[in-house]
Amino acid sequence: MHRFRSRRFIQVVLALAVVGWLAATGIALTQYGTPTADEIARAEQQIDADVAMNEEFRQECLADAELPAGTSPEDFCGPEQSRDDYDLSWYLDTAPFDLAASGTTGALGFAALASVVVALVGATWIGAEWSTRSLVALLFWVPRRMQVMAAKVVVLTGAAAVIGVLAQAGWLAMAGTLHALVGRDAALPAGFWGDLLQTQARGVLLTVLAALLAFGLTNLVRNTGAALGVAFVYLVVVESAVRGLRPLWQPWLLSNNAVALVEQGGSTLYVYDESRPDVDGVLQPVEYYLGHLQSGLLLGAVTAVVLVLGAVLFARRDLQ
């Protein structure tokens, strides 16, 4: 823990994260406004008018007998719309901050940012030791390699969990500030806080997995820059190639599973497979649902494999 706290790069990264949070909060305050009661009332009236107009068009569509073959009127004309399908901010020049609409989305964004931060921390936590050969010197004092590696993993896991919790607390503080100063004075929906806290808890889990995966990958290649390069190639090149050439493999991509792990209700992928047209020769999307448990198990398994492989090689390879 003392070595972790003393790492200058880790201190700089965490300090920059705090500065970024302060800057983001300040910028967000300029993006929202406090409309008057008359402006909100006019926006509500416009929403009601649009709902009524769209329903009128839908009824005319349902009454039309000339529909494409094999298509039901409901599928062709779409479902009935309600007030909940419209966002008040669409009708306001300076929309207020809507905590109900932005709560879980912000938690997802902060989980992604925290994962990037802890990935850098996890990579340098072992990469710097390999680069400076201080890990070899450490083994003179503690010659039990697996004990050394286990201690580093435990410290990183605890630190990543703390950083993840602080990141989600930062989002709550930011959202509370926006809600108090430029927020909309409206009742929150039932179950809002339960859904938000569950999303944040999964965000903390993703943060820990990101730190351990970066640590394990860096321990394998023994260089921070090389590990970050491998991660960049995978996320930008490999995943893009899979989406273009093998779309049915997308449920196995790490980025998709990371989103599904944190996102409320999981994530549904719509994949177009050129080898599976329908009877009319039209491509229909194939739906894949990624739940929290499935995504968490996949990410956890990949992380465990990388960590164990790195630890085994660390125990067996010669160190110079």
Protein backbone atom coordinates (compact mmCIF):
# COMPACT_ATOMS: atom_id res chain seq x y z
CA MET A 1 0.00 0.00 0.00
CA HIS A 2 2.88 2.34 0.76
CA ARG A 3 4.42 1.65 -2.66
CA PHE A 4 1.05 2.24 -4.32
CA ARG A 5 0.53 5.57 -2.60
CA SER A 6 4.09 6.65 -3.42
CA ARG A 7 3.82 6.11 -7.18
CA ARG A 8 4.12 9.61 -8.68
CA PHE A 9 2.32 8.68 -11.91
CA ILE A 10 -0.67 7.33 -9.97
CA GLN A 11 -0.84 10.55 -7.97
CA VAL A 12 -0.77 12.63 -11.17
CA VAL A 13 -3.47 10.54 -12.87
CA LEU A 14 -5.81 10.80 -9.87
CA ALA A 15 -5.15 14.55 -9.54
CA LEU A 16 -5.96 15.06 -13.23
CA ALA A 17 -9.16 13.06 -12.76
CA VAL A 18 -10.25 15.41 -9.96
CA VAL A 19 -9.42 18.47 -12.10
CA GLY A 20 -11.40 16.95 -14.97
CA TRP A 21 -14.39 16.40 -12.69
CA LEU A 22 -14.32 20.03 -11.54
CA ALA A 23 -14.04 21.26 -15.13
CA ALA A 24 -16.87 18.99 -16.29
CA THR A 25 -19.12 20.24 -13.50
CA GLY A 26 -18.41 23.86 -14.39
CA ILE A 27 -19.04 23.27 -18.10
CA ALA A 28 -22.26 21.35 -17.38
CA LEU A 29 -23.62 24.27 -15.39
CA THR A 30 -23.43 26.41 -18.55
CA GLN A 31 -25.32 23.85 -20.66
CA TYR A 32 -28.56 23.92 -18.69
CA GLY A 33 -30.99 26.69 -17.93
CA THR A 34 -33.86 27.52 -15.64
CA PRO A 35 -36.90 28.13 -17.86
CA THR A 36 -39.86 30.00 -16.46
CA ALA A 37 -43.16 28.37 -15.61
CA ASP A 38 -44.73 29.87 -18.73
CA GLU A 39 -42.03 28.35 -20.97
CA ILE A 40 -42.52 24.94 -19.40
CA ALA A 41 -46.30 25.23 -19.78
CA ARG A 42 -45.96 26.09 -23.49
CA ALA A 43 -43.60 23.16 -23.98
CA GLU A 44 -46.06 20.81 -22.28
CA GLN A 45 -48.86 22.06 -24.54
CA GLN A 46 -46.70 21.50 -27.61
CA ILE A 47 -45.95 17.95 -26.49
CA ASP A 48 -49.67 17.24 -26.02
CA ALA A 49 -50.36 18.62 -29.49
CA ASP A 50 -47.64 16.49 -31.07
CA VAL A 51 -48.91 13.36 -29.32
CA ALA A 52 -52.43 14.03 -30.59
CA MET A 53 -51.19 14.76 -34.13
CA ASN A 54 -49.09 11.60 -34.31
CA GLU A 55 -51.97 9.52 -33.02
CA GLU A 56 -54.20 11.00 -35.72
CA PHE A 57 -51.66 10.04 -38.39
CA ARG A 58 -51.43 6.56 -36.87
CA GLN A 59 -55.17 6.05 -37.01
CA GLU A 60 -55.18 7.11 -40.66
CA CYS A 61 -52.39 4.63 -41.33
CA LEU A 62 -54.29 1.82 -39.61
CA ALA A 63 -57.33 2.57 -41.74
CA ASP A 64 -55.31 2.26 -44.96
CA ALA A 65 -55.99 -1.09 -46.65
CA GLU A 66 -52.96 -0.94 -48.97
CA LEU A 67 -50.30 -2.40 -46.72
CA PRO A 68 -47.23 -4.40 -47.79
CA ALA A 69 -47.80 -8.12 -48.04
CA GLY A 70 -47.09 -10.01 -44.85
CA THR A 71 -47.08 -6.84 -42.73
CA SER A 72 -49.63 -6.24 -39.99
CA PRO A 73 -51.10 -2.76 -39.54
CA GLU A 74 -49.56 -2.47 -36.07
CA ASP A 75 -46.08 -3.28 -37.37
CA PHE A 76 -46.40 -0.94 -40.34
CA CYS A 77 -47.86 2.03 -38.46
CA GLY A 78 -45.94 1.64 -35.24
CA PRO A 79 -47.08 1.50 -31.62
CA GLU A 80 -49.25 4.07 -29.93
CA GLN A 81 -47.23 6.95 -28.53
CA SER A 82 -47.68 8.54 -25.13
CA ARG A 83 -46.42 11.56 -23.23
CA ASP A 84 -43.55 9.49 -21.86
CA ASP A 85 -42.08 9.13 -25.36
CA TYR A 86 -41.29 12.86 -25.49
CA ASP A 87 -38.60 14.71 -23.62
CA LEU A 88 -39.40 18.16 -22.31
CA SER A 89 -35.88 19.37 -23.20
CA TRP A 90 -36.72 18.95 -26.93
CA TYR A 91 -39.12 21.87 -26.67
CA LEU A 92 -37.06 24.26 -24.56
CA ASP A 93 -34.23 26.54 -25.67
CA THR A 94 -32.55 26.27 -22.27
CA ALA A 95 -33.67 22.97 -20.83
CA PRO A 96 -33.16 22.29 -17.11
CA PHE A 97 -31.14 19.36 -15.85
CA ASP A 98 -33.36 16.28 -15.55
CA LEU A 99 -32.05 13.98 -12.81
CA ALA A 100 -34.59 11.28 -13.59
CA ALA A 101 -33.49 11.06 -17.23
CA SER A 102 -29.76 11.50 -16.65
CA GLY A 103 -29.19 9.56 -13.42
CA THR A 104 -28.32 6.09 -14.75
CA THR A 105 -26.76 7.51 -17.94
CA GLY A 106 -24.34 9.59 -15.90
CA ALA A 107 -23.48 6.61 -13.71
CA LEU A 108 -22.66 4.64 -16.85
CA GLY A 109 -20.45 7.46 -18.17
CA PHE A 110 -18.58 7.83 -14.88
CA ALA A 111 -18.05 4.07 -14.74
CA ALA A 112 -16.46 4.20 -18.19
CA LEU A 113 -14.19 7.11 -17.22
CA ALA A 114 -13.22 5.47 -13.94
CA SER A 115 -12.39 2.27 -15.82
CA VAL A 116 -9.99 4.16 -18.09
CA VAL A 117 -8.32 5.81 -15.09
CA VAL A 118 -7.85 2.57 -13.15
CA ALA A 119 -6.66 0.78 -16.28
CA LEU A 120 -3.80 3.29 -16.48
CA VAL A 121 -3.18 2.87 -12.76
CA GLY A 122 -3.22 -0.93 -12.96
CA ALA A 123 -0.90 -0.97 -15.96
CA THR A 124 1.71 1.34 -14.41
CA TRP A 125 1.38 -0.39 -11.03
CA ILE A 126 3.25 -3.42 -12.43
CA GLY A 127 4.68 -1.97 -15.66
CA ALA A 128 6.88 0.55 -13.89
CA GLU A 129 8.26 -2.22 -11.67
CA TRP A 130 9.26 -4.20 -14.76
CA SER A 131 10.72 -1.17 -16.56
CA THR A 132 12.91 -0.08 -13.64
CA ARG A 133 13.66 -3.69 -12.54
CA SER A 134 12.59 -2.75 -9.02
CA LEU A 135 10.49 -5.92 -8.99
CA VAL A 136 13.67 -7.97 -9.20
CA ALA A 137 15.16 -6.01 -6.29
CA LEU A 138 11.97 -6.53 -4.30
CA LEU A 139 12.33 -10.28 -4.61
CA PHE A 140 15.63 -10.11 -2.73
CA TRP A 141 13.62 -8.99 0.29
CA VAL A 142 10.58 -11.20 -0.32
CA PRO A 143 11.73 -14.17 -2.46
CA ARG A 144 8.24 -15.74 -2.57
CA ARG A 145 7.05 -14.63 -5.97
CA MET A 146 3.40 -15.63 -5.67
CA GLN A 147 3.11 -13.83 -2.34
CA VAL A 148 4.47 -10.66 -3.95
CA MET A 149 2.07 -10.94 -6.89
CA ALA A 150 -0.90 -11.71 -4.62
CA ALA A 151 -0.13 -8.67 -2.48
CA LYS A 152 -0.04 -6.43 -5.53
CA VAL A 153 -3.36 -7.82 -6.81
CA VAL A 154 -5.05 -7.36 -3.43
CA VAL A 155 -3.83 -3.76 -3.08
CA LEU A 156 -4.88 -2.93 -6.66
CA THR A 157 -8.32 -4.50 -6.15
CA GLY A 158 -8.94 -2.43 -3.03
CA ALA A 159 -7.64 0.75 -4.65
CA ALA A 160 -9.75 0.22 -7.78
CA ALA A 161 -12.86 -0.36 -5.67
CA VAL A 162 -12.22 2.86 -3.73
CA ILE A 163 -11.63 4.81 -6.95
CA GLY A 164 -14.82 3.35 -8.43
CA VAL A 165 -16.85 4.32 -5.37
CA LEU A 166 -15.36 7.83 -5.36
CA ALA A 167 -16.14 8.20 -9.06
CA GLN A 168 -19.79 7.30 -8.49
CA ALA A 169 -19.88 9.62 -5.47
CA GLY A 170 -18.48 12.30 -7.77
CA TRP A 171 -21.38 11.73 -10.15
CA LEU A 172 -23.89 12.01 -7.31
CA ALA A 173 -22.24 15.26 -6.19
CA MET A 174 -22.22 16.60 -9.75
CA ALA A 175 -25.82 15.58 -10.39
CA GLY A 176 -26.90 17.04 -7.04
CA THR A 177 -25.23 20.34 -7.86
CA LEU A 178 -26.85 20.49 -11.29
CA HIS A 179 -30.23 19.51 -9.86
CA ALA A 180 -30.02 22.19 -7.16
CA LEU A 181 -28.82 25.04 -9.38
CA VAL A 182 -30.22 24.35 -12.87
CA GLY A 183 -32.45 21.35 -12.32
CA ARG A 184 -36.08 20.66 -12.98
CA ASP A 185 -38.29 20.67 -9.90
CA ALA A 186 -40.16 17.44 -10.57
CA ALA A 187 -40.83 14.29 -8.58
CA LEU A 188 -38.51 11.38 -9.26
CA PRO A 189 -40.11 8.16 -10.55
CA ALA A 190 -40.68 5.23 -8.25
CA GLY A 191 -37.64 3.02 -7.83
CA PHE A 192 -35.25 5.67 -9.17
CA TRP A 193 -32.71 5.48 -6.35
CA GLY A 194 -32.74 1.70 -6.29
CA ASP A 195 -32.02 1.47 -10.01
CA LEU A 196 -29.34 4.16 -9.79
CA LEU A 197 -27.50 2.56 -6.87
CA GLN A 198 -27.58 -0.84 -8.57
CA THR A 199 -26.15 0.70 -11.74
CA GLN A 200 -23.42 2.39 -9.72
CA ALA A 201 -22.56 -0.86 -7.93
CA ARG A 202 -22.11 -2.60 -11.28
CA GLY A 203 -20.02 0.37 -12.39
CA VAL A 204 -17.69 -0.19 -9.43
CA LEU A 205 -17.41 -3.86 -10.40
CA LEU A 206 -16.47 -2.88 -13.96
CA THR A 207 -13.84 -0.51 -12.57
CA VAL A 208 -12.22 -3.30 -10.57
CA LEU A 209 -12.24 -5.68 -13.55
CA ALA A 210 -10.65 -3.03 -15.78
CA ALA A 211 -7.83 -2.45 -13.29
CA LEU A 212 -7.11 -6.17 -12.88
CA LEU A 213 -7.25 -6.83 -16.62
CA ALA A 214 -4.80 -4.01 -17.35
CA PHE A 215 -2.55 -5.26 -14.55
CA GLY A 216 -2.57 -8.83 -15.86
CA LEU A 217 -1.95 -7.79 -19.46
CA THR A 218 0.98 -5.57 -18.44
CA ASN A 219 2.43 -8.36 -16.33
CA LEU A 220 2.35 -10.59 -19.41
CA VAL A 221 4.18 -8.18 -21.75
CA ARG A 222 6.28 -6.57 -18.97
CA ASN A 223 5.87 -3.06 -20.39
CA THR A 224 3.18 -0.42 -19.76
CA GLY A 225 3.36 1.10 -23.23
CA ALA A 226 3.17 -2.29 -24.94
CA ALA A 227 0.16 -3.30 -22.83
CA LEU A 228 -1.69 -0.07 -23.65
CA GLY A 229 -0.82 -0.61 -27.32
CA VAL A 230 -2.28 -4.11 -27.24
CA ALA A 231 -5.45 -2.77 -25.61
CA PHE A 232 -5.74 -0.01 -28.23
CA VAL A 233 -5.29 -2.45 -31.12
CA TYR A 234 -7.92 -4.77 -29.68
CA LEU A 235 -10.53 -2.07 -29.00
CA VAL A 236 -10.03 -0.09 -32.22
CA VAL A 237 -8.85 -2.63 -34.80
CA VAL A 238 -9.93 -6.09 -33.70
CA GLU A 239 -13.41 -5.18 -32.49
CA SER A 240 -14.06 -3.03 -35.58
CA ALA A 241 -12.98 -5.92 -37.80
CA VAL A 242 -15.24 -8.33 -35.95
CA ARG A 243 -18.23 -6.00 -36.28
CA GLY A 244 -17.63 -5.69 -40.01
CA LEU A 245 -16.53 -9.22 -40.94
CA ARG A 246 -18.04 -11.45 -38.26
CA PRO A 247 -21.08 -9.61 -36.87
CA LEU A 248 -22.42 -12.73 -35.13
CA TRP A 249 -19.37 -12.68 -32.85
CA GLN A 250 -20.33 -9.30 -31.35
CA PRO A 251 -21.89 -10.79 -28.18
CA TRP A 252 -18.37 -11.93 -27.24
CA LEU A 253 -16.69 -8.53 -27.58
CA LEU A 254 -15.42 -7.07 -24.32
CA SER A 255 -16.73 -3.55 -24.96
CA ASN A 256 -20.26 -4.78 -25.60
CA ASN A 257 -20.21 -6.86 -22.44
CA ALA A 258 -18.81 -3.96 -20.42
CA VAL A 259 -21.76 -1.79 -21.48
CA ALA A 260 -24.23 -4.60 -20.82
CA LEU A 261 -22.79 -5.15 -17.34
CA VAL A 262 -23.43 -1.59 -16.20
CA GLU A 263 -26.43 -0.54 -18.28
CA GLN A 264 -29.79 -0.79 -16.56
CA GLY A 265 -31.55 -3.95 -17.76
CA GLY A 266 -28.58 -5.20 -19.75
CA SER A 267 -28.07 -4.57 -23.46
CA THR A 268 -29.68 -5.86 -26.64
CA LEU A 269 -27.62 -6.14 -29.83
CA TYR A 270 -29.21 -6.05 -33.27
CA VAL A 271 -26.94 -7.91 -35.68
CA TYR A 272 -27.51 -8.06 -39.44
CA ASP A 273 -26.27 -11.35 -40.89
CA GLU A 274 -26.04 -11.36 -44.71
CA SER A 275 -26.26 -15.15 -44.72
CA ARG A 276 -29.73 -15.13 -43.15
CA PRO A 277 -32.22 -13.22 -45.33
CA ASP A 278 -35.93 -13.86 -44.87
CA VAL A 279 -38.27 -15.42 -47.46
CA ASP A 280 -38.49 -12.08 -49.31
CA GLY A 281 -34.70 -11.69 -49.48
CA VAL A 282 -34.71 -8.87 -46.91
CA LEU A 283 -32.11 -8.85 -44.13
CA GLN A 284 -33.69 -9.00 -40.71
CA PRO A 285 -31.72 -8.16 -37.56
CA VAL A 286 -30.87 -10.94 -35.15
CA GLU A 287 -31.41 -9.92 -31.54
CA TYR A 288 -28.90 -10.88 -28.85
CA TYR A 289 -29.63 -10.01 -25.25
CA LEU A 290 -26.64 -9.55 -22.96
CA GLY A 291 -27.64 -9.71 -19.31
CA HIS A 292 -25.71 -8.58 -16.27
CA LEU A 293 -24.80 -12.09 -15.15
CA GLN A 294 -23.66 -13.25 -18.57
CA SER A 295 -21.54 -10.16 -19.18
CA GLY A 296 -20.07 -10.22 -15.69
CA LEU A 297 -19.08 -13.88 -16.01
CA LEU A 298 -17.43 -13.32 -19.39
CA LEU A 299 -15.46 -10.27 -18.24
CA GLY A 300 -14.51 -12.00 -15.01
CA ALA A 301 -13.35 -15.14 -16.84
CA VAL A 302 -11.18 -13.16 -19.28
CA THR A 303 -9.67 -11.18 -16.41
CA ALA A 304 -8.98 -14.33 -14.39
CA VAL A 305 -7.30 -16.07 -17.33
CA VAL A 306 -5.01 -13.11 -18.01
CA LEU A 307 -4.12 -12.75 -14.30
CA VAL A 308 -3.43 -16.45 -13.77
CA LEU A 309 -1.38 -16.76 -16.95
CA GLY A 310 0.73 -13.75 -15.99
CA ALA A 311 1.23 -15.08 -12.45
CA VAL A 312 2.27 -18.53 -13.70
CA LEU A 313 4.79 -17.05 -16.12
CA PHE A 314 6.05 -14.72 -13.39
CA ALA A 315 6.64 -17.72 -11.12
CA ARG A 316 8.47 -19.76 -13.76
CA ARG A 317 10.43 -17.31 -15.92
CA ASP A 318 13.95 -16.18 -15.16
CA LEU A 319 14.20 -12.62 -13.91
CA GLN A 320 17.11 -10.39 -14.84
